[in-house]
Amino acid sequence: MTVTKEEAGEDSGKGDMRDGYVPSARRLERERHKRARARRATAIAALSTLVTGVVLYLVVVSAPGWPRTKETFFDGQYAREAFPKVLDGLWLNIRLLLICGVLVLVLGMLIAIARTLPGPVFFPLRVLAAAYTDFFRGLPLIINLMIVVFGVPALRLQGVTVDPVLLGGTALTLTYSAYVAEVFRAGIESVHPSQRAAARSLGLTNRQALRYVVLPQAVRRQVPPLLNDLVSLQKDTGLVSIGGAVDAVRAADIIAQRSLNYTPYIVAGLVFVALTIPMTRFTDWVTARMDRQRAQGGSL
């Protein structure tokens, strides 16, 4: 295909020409076809979503018990009453997420390093780290919370706090650090031994090789599962309410018990969902970005 300078100048405004390149008519036609297919797929998806939503709505509102369910779970008056109090309690959940999240990452990293230390001299440390992860990953979080929140005050230890918020945060940290430790350990073990050997050959000590070569690669590879654990931690901060801490869940529970209406629970649930969705979408974006880098042969 022969292109004159005038034609090249006209096409340069389309943004498709770089360094004198002008797309062919076949390529332009193919791109128009792709855009048309994308628009058609979007329209079909929107229509099918609308139809599904309408069908689900009709099924729910036509159920025999819908009027009573609507009154009990979707009362606007109780929703307006509960919303500001749930938001006040949510601030406690956010603080627990931030503080416990940092502690979980630090403790999980230390446990993972302990489990991967080479040499027979570190065998007791590896056994203790493995026992810790096995125990707290096997122990249900709700039981761990009950043991810590109710058991520690019963011991009446001098100088030990009885604050349900601090005790609940401790239980969350103990449980989630075990999960995060396994995530870090998987990342450390995914780094090929040649990386450590190359670092040692350059004169780095074992500690320096771990710090500057192994850990950066391990953490970078495990970012998506770490974010997933933080999303789960954000939801489970609501469990501290079993000890009496007034978070979003407890604030909703107080109103529900007083009014015998469960709308505040729906409000609290929607608030948690609204907080979780951005974190989930960010996790999906990070995962997709890393997948693209991996497919293109980029660094992880």
Protein backbone atom coordinates (compact mmCIF):
# COMPACT_ATOMS: atom_id res chain seq x y z
CA MET A 1 0.00 0.00 0.00
CA THR A 2 1.46 3.34 -1.10
CA VAL A 3 0.86 6.33 1.14
CA THR A 4 1.66 9.89 0.12
CA LYS A 5 3.06 12.50 2.50
CA GLU A 6 -0.25 14.38 2.44
CA GLU A 7 -2.19 11.26 3.43
CA ALA A 8 0.33 10.53 6.18
CA GLY A 9 -0.09 14.04 7.52
CA GLU A 10 -3.88 13.69 7.58
CA ASP A 11 -3.73 10.40 9.48
CA SER A 12 -1.20 11.65 12.02
CA GLY A 13 -3.97 13.42 13.95
CA LYS A 14 -5.63 10.11 14.74
CA GLY A 15 -2.92 9.13 17.18
CA ASP A 16 -2.19 5.83 15.37
CA MET A 17 0.95 6.99 13.56
CA ARG A 18 4.28 6.73 15.36
CA ASP A 19 7.58 7.46 13.64
CA GLY A 20 5.92 7.73 10.22
CA TYR A 21 3.85 4.56 10.55
CA VAL A 22 0.32 4.69 9.11
CA PRO A 23 -2.06 1.80 9.91
CA SER A 24 -3.40 -0.05 6.95
CA ALA A 25 -7.03 -0.09 5.96
CA ARG A 26 -7.30 -3.72 7.03
CA ARG A 27 -6.02 -2.88 10.52
CA LEU A 28 -8.40 0.06 10.83
CA GLU A 29 -11.27 -2.16 9.78
CA ARG A 30 -10.22 -4.81 12.28
CA GLU A 31 -10.09 -2.25 15.10
CA ARG A 32 -13.54 -0.92 14.15
CA HIS A 33 -14.84 -4.49 14.23
CA LYS A 34 -13.33 -5.03 17.69
CA ARG A 35 -14.91 -1.84 19.00
CA ALA A 36 -18.29 -2.84 17.58
CA ARG A 37 -18.04 -6.26 19.20
CA ALA A 38 -17.09 -4.66 22.51
CA ARG A 39 -20.10 -2.33 22.35
CA ARG A 40 -22.40 -5.21 21.46
CA ALA A 41 -21.02 -7.37 24.30
CA THR A 42 -21.48 -4.48 26.76
CA ALA A 43 -25.07 -3.97 25.65
CA ILE A 44 -25.86 -7.68 25.96
CA ALA A 45 -24.26 -7.85 29.42
CA ALA A 46 -26.22 -4.79 30.59
CA LEU A 47 -29.49 -6.21 29.25
CA SER A 48 -28.95 -9.64 30.80
CA THR A 49 -28.03 -8.03 34.14
CA LEU A 50 -31.17 -5.91 34.06
CA VAL A 51 -33.37 -8.90 33.24
CA THR A 52 -31.77 -10.98 36.00
CA GLY A 53 -32.24 -8.18 38.51
CA VAL A 54 -35.90 -7.73 37.58
CA VAL A 55 -36.56 -11.48 37.83
CA LEU A 56 -34.90 -11.69 41.26
CA TYR A 57 -36.84 -8.66 42.46
CA LEU A 58 -40.15 -10.13 41.33
CA VAL A 59 -39.35 -13.47 42.97
CA VAL A 60 -38.54 -11.78 46.27
CA VAL A 61 -41.44 -9.31 46.43
CA SER A 62 -43.97 -11.96 45.38
CA ALA A 63 -42.96 -14.31 48.21
CA PRO A 64 -45.72 -14.83 50.82
CA GLY A 65 -43.55 -13.60 53.69
CA TRP A 66 -42.13 -10.54 51.94
CA PRO A 67 -44.28 -7.91 53.73
CA ARG A 68 -43.19 -9.20 57.13
CA THR A 69 -39.56 -9.53 56.00
CA LYS A 70 -39.57 -6.00 54.61
CA GLU A 71 -40.91 -4.64 57.87
CA THR A 72 -38.36 -6.57 59.96
CA PHE A 73 -35.19 -6.17 57.86
CA PHE A 74 -35.75 -3.14 55.62
CA ASP A 75 -37.44 -0.51 57.76
CA GLY A 76 -36.35 2.97 56.70
CA GLN A 77 -36.92 4.52 60.13
CA TYR A 78 -34.60 2.12 61.91
CA ALA A 79 -32.08 2.38 59.08
CA ARG A 80 -31.88 6.15 59.53
CA GLU A 81 -31.53 5.71 63.27
CA ALA A 82 -28.82 3.07 63.01
CA PHE A 83 -26.69 4.57 60.24
CA PRO A 84 -24.87 7.33 62.22
CA LYS A 85 -24.26 5.04 65.18
CA VAL A 86 -22.95 2.27 62.93
CA LEU A 87 -20.59 4.76 61.31
CA ASP A 88 -19.32 5.84 64.74
CA GLY A 89 -18.64 2.19 65.58
CA LEU A 90 -17.01 1.62 62.20
CA TRP A 91 -14.17 3.96 63.20
CA LEU A 92 -13.16 1.35 65.79
CA ASN A 93 -13.12 -1.35 63.10
CA ILE A 94 -10.93 0.80 60.87
CA ARG A 95 -8.47 1.48 63.69
CA LEU A 96 -8.31 -2.24 64.47
CA LEU A 97 -7.68 -2.97 60.79
CA LEU A 98 -4.81 -0.48 60.56
CA ILE A 99 -3.08 -1.45 63.80
CA CYS A 100 -3.66 -5.19 63.60
CA GLY A 101 -2.75 -5.18 59.90
CA VAL A 102 0.70 -3.75 60.64
CA LEU A 103 1.26 -6.13 63.55
CA VAL A 104 0.12 -9.11 61.48
CA LEU A 105 2.52 -8.27 58.66
CA VAL A 106 5.47 -7.84 61.02
CA LEU A 107 4.77 -10.93 63.13
CA GLY A 108 3.93 -13.02 60.07
CA MET A 109 7.20 -12.05 58.41
CA LEU A 110 9.21 -12.96 61.52
CA ILE A 111 7.50 -16.35 61.80
CA ALA A 112 8.06 -17.05 58.10
CA ILE A 113 11.75 -16.19 58.39
CA ALA A 114 12.02 -18.43 61.46
CA ARG A 115 10.48 -21.32 59.52
CA THR A 116 12.94 -20.94 56.64
CA LEU A 117 16.17 -20.52 58.60
CA PRO A 118 18.68 -23.12 57.38
CA GLY A 119 20.92 -25.26 59.54
CA PRO A 120 20.39 -27.69 62.42
CA VAL A 121 21.06 -25.02 65.05
CA PHE A 122 17.75 -23.33 64.17
CA PHE A 123 15.73 -26.56 64.32
CA PRO A 124 13.98 -25.66 67.65
CA LEU A 125 13.02 -22.26 66.24
CA ARG A 126 11.63 -23.85 63.10
CA VAL A 127 9.60 -26.32 65.18
CA LEU A 128 8.15 -23.55 67.35
CA ALA A 129 7.22 -21.47 64.30
CA ALA A 130 5.59 -24.46 62.64
CA ALA A 131 3.67 -25.31 65.82
CA TYR A 132 2.44 -21.72 66.06
CA THR A 133 1.12 -21.64 62.50
CA ASP A 134 -0.46 -25.10 62.77
CA PHE A 135 -2.20 -24.26 66.05
CA PHE A 136 -3.63 -20.86 65.17
CA ARG A 137 -4.60 -21.82 61.64
CA GLY A 138 -6.48 -24.81 63.04
CA LEU A 139 -8.12 -22.92 65.91
CA PRO A 140 -11.36 -21.16 64.84
CA LEU A 141 -11.06 -17.42 65.17
CA ILE A 142 -14.25 -17.11 67.21
CA ILE A 143 -12.89 -19.58 69.79
CA ASN A 144 -9.57 -17.76 69.90
CA LEU A 145 -11.41 -14.51 70.54
CA MET A 146 -13.44 -16.03 73.36
CA ILE A 147 -10.37 -17.54 74.99
CA VAL A 148 -8.39 -14.29 74.87
CA VAL A 149 -11.22 -11.84 75.59
CA PHE A 150 -12.80 -13.84 78.42
CA GLY A 151 -9.92 -16.02 79.58
CA VAL A 152 -7.23 -13.41 80.10
CA PRO A 153 -9.33 -11.20 82.46
CA ALA A 154 -10.32 -14.33 84.42
CA LEU A 155 -6.64 -14.94 85.25
CA ARG A 156 -6.46 -11.56 87.06
CA LEU A 157 -2.87 -11.05 86.05
CA GLN A 158 -1.22 -7.94 87.47
CA GLY A 159 -0.63 -5.28 84.84
CA VAL A 160 -2.44 -7.15 82.04
CA THR A 161 -5.18 -5.19 80.32
CA VAL A 162 -8.81 -6.26 80.39
CA ASP A 163 -9.86 -3.87 77.61
CA PRO A 164 -11.95 -5.95 75.16
CA VAL A 165 -10.68 -3.88 72.23
CA LEU A 166 -7.02 -4.60 73.01
CA LEU A 167 -7.72 -8.26 73.79
CA GLY A 168 -9.80 -8.67 70.65
CA GLY A 169 -7.06 -7.07 68.56
CA THR A 170 -4.55 -9.45 70.14
CA ALA A 171 -6.66 -12.45 69.17
CA LEU A 172 -7.01 -11.17 65.61
CA THR A 173 -3.25 -10.63 65.39
CA LEU A 174 -2.46 -14.11 66.69
CA THR A 175 -4.74 -15.82 64.20
CA TYR A 176 -4.01 -13.78 61.09
CA SER A 177 -0.25 -13.72 61.64
CA ALA A 178 -0.31 -17.51 61.26
CA TYR A 179 -2.01 -17.23 57.86
CA VAL A 180 0.22 -14.38 56.71
CA ALA A 181 3.32 -16.28 57.86
CA GLU A 182 2.44 -19.10 55.49
CA VAL A 183 1.94 -16.61 52.67
CA PHE A 184 5.37 -15.10 53.30
CA ARG A 185 6.95 -18.54 53.62
CA ALA A 186 5.50 -19.58 50.27
CA GLY A 187 6.97 -16.44 48.73
CA ILE A 188 10.39 -17.04 50.27
CA GLU A 189 10.48 -20.64 49.09
CA SER A 190 9.37 -19.59 45.59
CA VAL A 191 12.62 -17.65 45.12
CA HIS A 192 15.06 -19.96 43.34
CA PRO A 193 18.07 -21.03 45.45
CA SER A 194 20.35 -19.69 42.74
CA GLN A 195 19.34 -16.17 43.77
CA ARG A 196 20.69 -16.70 47.26
CA ALA A 197 23.77 -18.47 45.90
CA ALA A 198 24.47 -15.59 43.53
CA ALA A 199 24.14 -13.11 46.38
CA ARG A 200 26.56 -15.13 48.50
CA SER A 201 29.03 -15.30 45.63
CA LEU A 202 29.03 -11.50 45.52
CA GLY A 203 30.11 -11.37 49.14
CA LEU A 204 26.76 -10.92 50.88
CA THR A 205 26.13 -12.72 54.15
CA ASN A 206 23.11 -14.96 54.65
CA ARG A 207 21.28 -12.16 56.42
CA GLN A 208 22.11 -9.65 53.70
CA ALA A 209 21.06 -12.07 50.97
CA LEU A 210 17.76 -12.63 52.74
CA ARG A 211 17.17 -8.92 53.26
CA TYR A 212 18.26 -7.51 49.92
CA VAL A 213 17.63 -10.37 47.47
CA VAL A 214 15.15 -12.95 48.75
CA LEU A 215 12.61 -10.94 50.75
CA PRO A 216 12.00 -8.19 48.14
CA GLN A 217 11.16 -10.82 45.53
CA ALA A 218 9.09 -12.90 47.95
CA VAL A 219 6.99 -9.98 49.16
CA ARG A 220 6.41 -8.66 45.64
CA ARG A 221 5.14 -12.04 44.49
CA GLN A 222 2.78 -12.45 47.44
CA VAL A 223 1.11 -9.04 47.35
CA PRO A 224 -2.29 -10.33 46.04
CA PRO A 225 -2.77 -13.05 48.71
CA LEU A 226 -1.58 -10.60 51.39
CA LEU A 227 -4.22 -8.11 50.29
CA ASN A 228 -6.84 -10.87 50.39
CA ASP A 229 -5.88 -11.61 53.99
CA LEU A 230 -6.22 -7.92 54.87
CA VAL A 231 -9.69 -7.89 53.30
CA SER A 232 -10.66 -10.85 55.48
CA LEU A 233 -9.15 -9.12 58.52
CA GLN A 234 -11.23 -6.03 57.82
CA LYS A 235 -14.43 -8.09 57.97
CA ASP A 236 -13.41 -10.07 61.03
CA THR A 237 -12.74 -6.95 63.09
CA GLY A 238 -16.48 -7.00 63.69
CA LEU A 239 -16.04 -10.09 65.86
CA VAL A 240 -14.49 -8.04 68.67
CA SER A 241 -18.06 -7.10 69.55
CA ILE A 242 -18.43 -10.43 71.38
CA GLY A 243 -16.37 -8.93 74.20
CA GLY A 244 -18.54 -5.84 74.51
CA ALA A 245 -16.52 -3.46 72.34
CA VAL A 246 -18.89 -1.01 70.66
CA ASP A 247 -17.92 -1.30 67.01
CA ALA A 248 -20.23 -1.15 63.99
CA VAL A 249 -21.67 -4.61 64.68
CA ARG A 250 -22.23 -3.95 68.38
CA ALA A 251 -23.85 -0.58 67.66
CA ALA A 252 -26.29 -2.32 65.31
CA ASP A 253 -26.89 -5.06 67.87
CA ILE A 254 -27.81 -2.56 70.60
CA ILE A 255 -30.48 -0.94 68.42
CA ALA A 256 -31.78 -4.31 67.18
CA GLN A 257 -32.19 -5.69 70.68
CA ARG A 258 -33.99 -2.57 71.84
CA SER A 259 -36.35 -2.35 68.88
CA LEU A 260 -36.64 -6.07 68.00
CA ASN A 261 -36.02 -5.01 64.40
CA TYR A 262 -33.11 -6.37 62.39
CA THR A 263 -32.69 -3.48 59.97
CA PRO A 264 -29.58 -2.21 61.84
CA TYR A 265 -27.82 -5.49 60.98
CA ILE A 266 -28.52 -4.87 57.30
CA VAL A 267 -27.12 -1.34 57.65
CA ALA A 268 -23.97 -2.63 59.36
CA GLY A 269 -23.55 -5.32 56.70
CA LEU A 270 -23.88 -2.82 53.87
CA VAL A 271 -21.34 -0.51 55.52
CA PHE A 272 -18.83 -3.36 55.72
CA VAL A 273 -19.53 -4.28 52.10
CA ALA A 274 -19.00 -0.67 51.02
CA LEU A 275 -15.67 -0.68 52.85
CA THR A 276 -14.60 -4.05 51.49
CA ILE A 277 -15.43 -3.58 47.80
CA PRO A 278 -12.72 -0.95 47.10
CA MET A 279 -10.12 -3.16 48.79
CA THR A 280 -11.29 -6.15 46.77
CA ARG A 281 -11.21 -4.25 43.49
CA PHE A 282 -7.73 -2.94 44.33
CA THR A 283 -6.60 -6.51 45.00
CA ASP A 284 -8.02 -7.63 41.64
CA TRP A 285 -6.23 -4.75 39.90
CA VAL A 286 -2.90 -5.61 41.52
CA THR A 287 -3.35 -9.29 40.62
CA ALA A 288 -4.18 -8.50 37.00
CA ARG A 289 -1.24 -6.10 36.74
CA MET A 290 1.18 -8.69 38.08
CA ASP A 291 -0.26 -11.31 35.72
CA ARG A 292 0.32 -8.98 32.77
CA GLN A 293 3.89 -8.35 33.88
CA ARG A 294 4.49 -12.06 34.26
CA ALA A 295 3.02 -12.79 30.81
CA GLN A 296 5.24 -10.12 29.24
CA GLY A 297 8.33 -11.41 30.99
CA GLY A 298 8.59 -8.39 33.27
CA SER A 299 10.01 -8.37 36.75
CA LEU A 300 7.83 -9.63 39.59
